[in-house]
Amino acid sequence: MTENRIVYITHEPVELYKVLKFENIAASDGEAKYMIADGLVRVNGRVETRKRKKIFSGDVIEIHDTCLEIKCEQR
């Protein structure tokens, strides 16, 4: 079963590894970077291995059974 979450960011872009850390997918920056380097993360349906990939509103991140939809909060 897939868990779908909406993630609200206050500014864009945000680096991919930071999203994983702040959403408690990874316990640390290092763990998030290893997950990305190992090809476990998909962004918009494609495997992403760039740790500092810029994430924008509308992007969808998938890892394990979790799907994160990114939205930017309006100020």
C-alpha atoms as a PDB file:
ATOM      1  CA  MET A   1       0.000   0.000   0.000  1.00  0.00           C
ATOM      2  CA  THR A   2       1.350   3.408  -0.965  1.00  0.00           C
ATOM      3  CA  GLU A   3       1.332   6.345   1.419  1.00  0.00           C
ATOM      4  CA  ASN A   4       0.622   9.634  -0.358  1.00  0.00           C
ATOM      5  CA  ARG A   5       1.647  12.876   1.329  1.00  0.00           C
ATOM      6  CA  ILE A   6       1.534  16.506   0.308  1.00  0.00           C
ATOM      7  CA  VAL A   7       4.699  18.355   1.320  1.00  0.00           C
ATOM      8  CA  TYR A   8       4.472  22.130   1.626  1.00  0.00           C
ATOM      9  CA  ILE A   9       7.689  24.074   1.082  1.00  0.00           C
ATOM     10  CA  THR A  10       8.141  27.753   1.905  1.00  0.00           C
ATOM     11  CA  HIS A  11      10.590  28.516  -0.892  1.00  0.00           C
ATOM     12  CA  GLU A  12      11.799  26.841  -4.031  1.00  0.00           C
ATOM     13  CA  PRO A  13      13.904  25.203  -5.145  1.00  0.00           C
ATOM     14  CA  VAL A  14      14.789  22.779  -2.346  1.00  0.00           C
ATOM     15  CA  GLU A  15      17.480  20.118  -2.673  1.00  0.00           C
ATOM     16  CA  LEU A  16      16.186  16.554  -2.911  1.00  0.00           C
ATOM     17  CA  TYR A  17      18.153  15.151   0.032  1.00  0.00           C
ATOM     18  CA  LYS A  18      16.746  17.882   2.306  1.00  0.00           C
ATOM     19  CA  VAL A  19      13.168  16.902   1.485  1.00  0.00           C
ATOM     20  CA  LEU A  20      13.906  13.298   2.448  1.00  0.00           C
ATOM     21  CA  LYS A  21      15.441  14.388   5.737  1.00  0.00           C
ATOM     22  CA  PHE A  22      12.739  16.879   6.713  1.00  0.00           C
ATOM     23  CA  GLU A  23       9.982  14.389   5.897  1.00  0.00           C
ATOM     24  CA  ASN A  24      11.662  11.769   8.127  1.00  0.00           C
ATOM     25  CA  ILE A  25      12.237   9.392   5.229  1.00  0.00           C
ATOM     26  CA  ALA A  26      15.940   9.503   6.144  1.00  0.00           C
ATOM     27  CA  ALA A  27      17.375   9.995   9.630  1.00  0.00           C
ATOM     28  CA  SER A  28      20.230  12.232   8.444  1.00  0.00           C
ATOM     29  CA  ASP A  29      21.621  14.096   5.454  1.00  0.00           C
ATOM     30  CA  GLY A  30      24.101  11.264   4.922  1.00  0.00           C
ATOM     31  CA  GLU A  31      21.416   8.579   4.913  1.00  0.00           C
ATOM     32  CA  ALA A  32      19.327  10.599   2.443  1.00  0.00           C
ATOM     33  CA  LYS A  33      22.325  10.994   0.136  1.00  0.00           C
ATOM     34  CA  TYR A  34      23.040   7.237   0.227  1.00  0.00           C
ATOM     35  CA  MET A  35      19.407   6.435  -0.608  1.00  0.00           C
ATOM     36  CA  ILE A  36      19.584   8.742  -3.609  1.00  0.00           C
ATOM     37  CA  ALA A  37      22.992   7.445  -4.765  1.00  0.00           C
ATOM     38  CA  ASP A  38      21.723   3.846  -4.507  1.00  0.00           C
ATOM     39  CA  GLY A  39      18.901   4.617  -6.961  1.00  0.00           C
ATOM     40  CA  LEU A  40      16.077   4.194  -4.448  1.00  0.00           C
ATOM     41  CA  VAL A  41      14.466   7.574  -5.192  1.00  0.00           C
ATOM     42  CA  ARG A  42      12.340   8.521  -8.188  1.00  0.00           C
ATOM     43  CA  VAL A  43      11.454  12.111  -9.115  1.00  0.00           C
ATOM     44  CA  ASN A  44       8.582  12.559 -11.546  1.00  0.00           C
ATOM     45  CA  GLY A  45       8.744   8.870 -12.443  1.00  0.00           C
ATOM     46  CA  ARG A  46      12.491   8.678 -13.137  1.00  0.00           C
ATOM     47  CA  VAL A  47      15.279   7.326 -10.966  1.00  0.00           C
ATOM     48  CA  GLU A  48      17.225  10.302  -9.606  1.00  0.00           C
ATOM     49  CA  THR A  49      20.827   9.930  -8.426  1.00  0.00           C
ATOM     50  CA  ARG A  50      21.673  13.634  -8.038  1.00  0.00           C
ATOM     51  CA  LYS A  51      21.654  14.425  -4.319  1.00  0.00           C
ATOM     52  CA  ARG A  52      21.289  18.146  -4.893  1.00  0.00           C
ATOM     53  CA  LYS A  53      18.578  17.845  -7.545  1.00  0.00           C
ATOM     54  CA  LYS A  54      16.444  20.966  -7.309  1.00  0.00           C
ATOM     55  CA  ILE A  55      12.865  20.207  -6.314  1.00  0.00           C
ATOM     56  CA  PHE A  56      10.048  22.563  -7.295  1.00  0.00           C
ATOM     57  CA  SER A  57       6.319  22.801  -6.639  1.00  0.00           C
ATOM     58  CA  GLY A  58       4.539  20.132  -8.669  1.00  0.00           C
ATOM     59  CA  ASP A  59       7.348  17.568  -8.440  1.00  0.00           C
ATOM     60  CA  VAL A  60       6.520  14.078  -7.171  1.00  0.00           C
ATOM     61  CA  ILE A  61       9.107  12.107  -5.181  1.00  0.00           C
ATOM     62  CA  GLU A  62       8.721   8.343  -4.710  1.00  0.00           C
ATOM     63  CA  ILE A  63      10.727   6.197  -2.321  1.00  0.00           C
ATOM     64  CA  HIS A  64       9.808   2.753  -0.982  1.00  0.00           C
ATOM     65  CA  ASP A  65       6.023   2.887  -0.518  1.00  0.00           C
ATOM     66  CA  THR A  66       5.850   6.654  -0.029  1.00  0.00           C
ATOM     67  CA  CYS A  67       4.846   9.253  -2.589  1.00  0.00           C
ATOM     68  CA  LEU A  68       5.513  12.922  -1.777  1.00  0.00           C
ATOM     69  CA  GLU A  69       3.783  15.625  -3.824  1.00  0.00           C
ATOM     70  CA  ILE A  70       5.533  18.993  -3.462  1.00  0.00           C
ATOM     71  CA  LYS A  71       3.543  22.219  -3.179  1.00  0.00           C
ATOM     72  CA  CYS A  72       4.806  25.714  -2.430  1.00  0.00           C
ATOM     73  CA  GLU A  73       2.991  27.644   0.299  1.00  0.00           C
ATOM     74  CA  GLN A  74       1.687  31.002  -0.871  1.00  0.00           C
ATOM     75  CA  ARG A  75       2.981  33.914   1.160  1.00  0.00           C
END
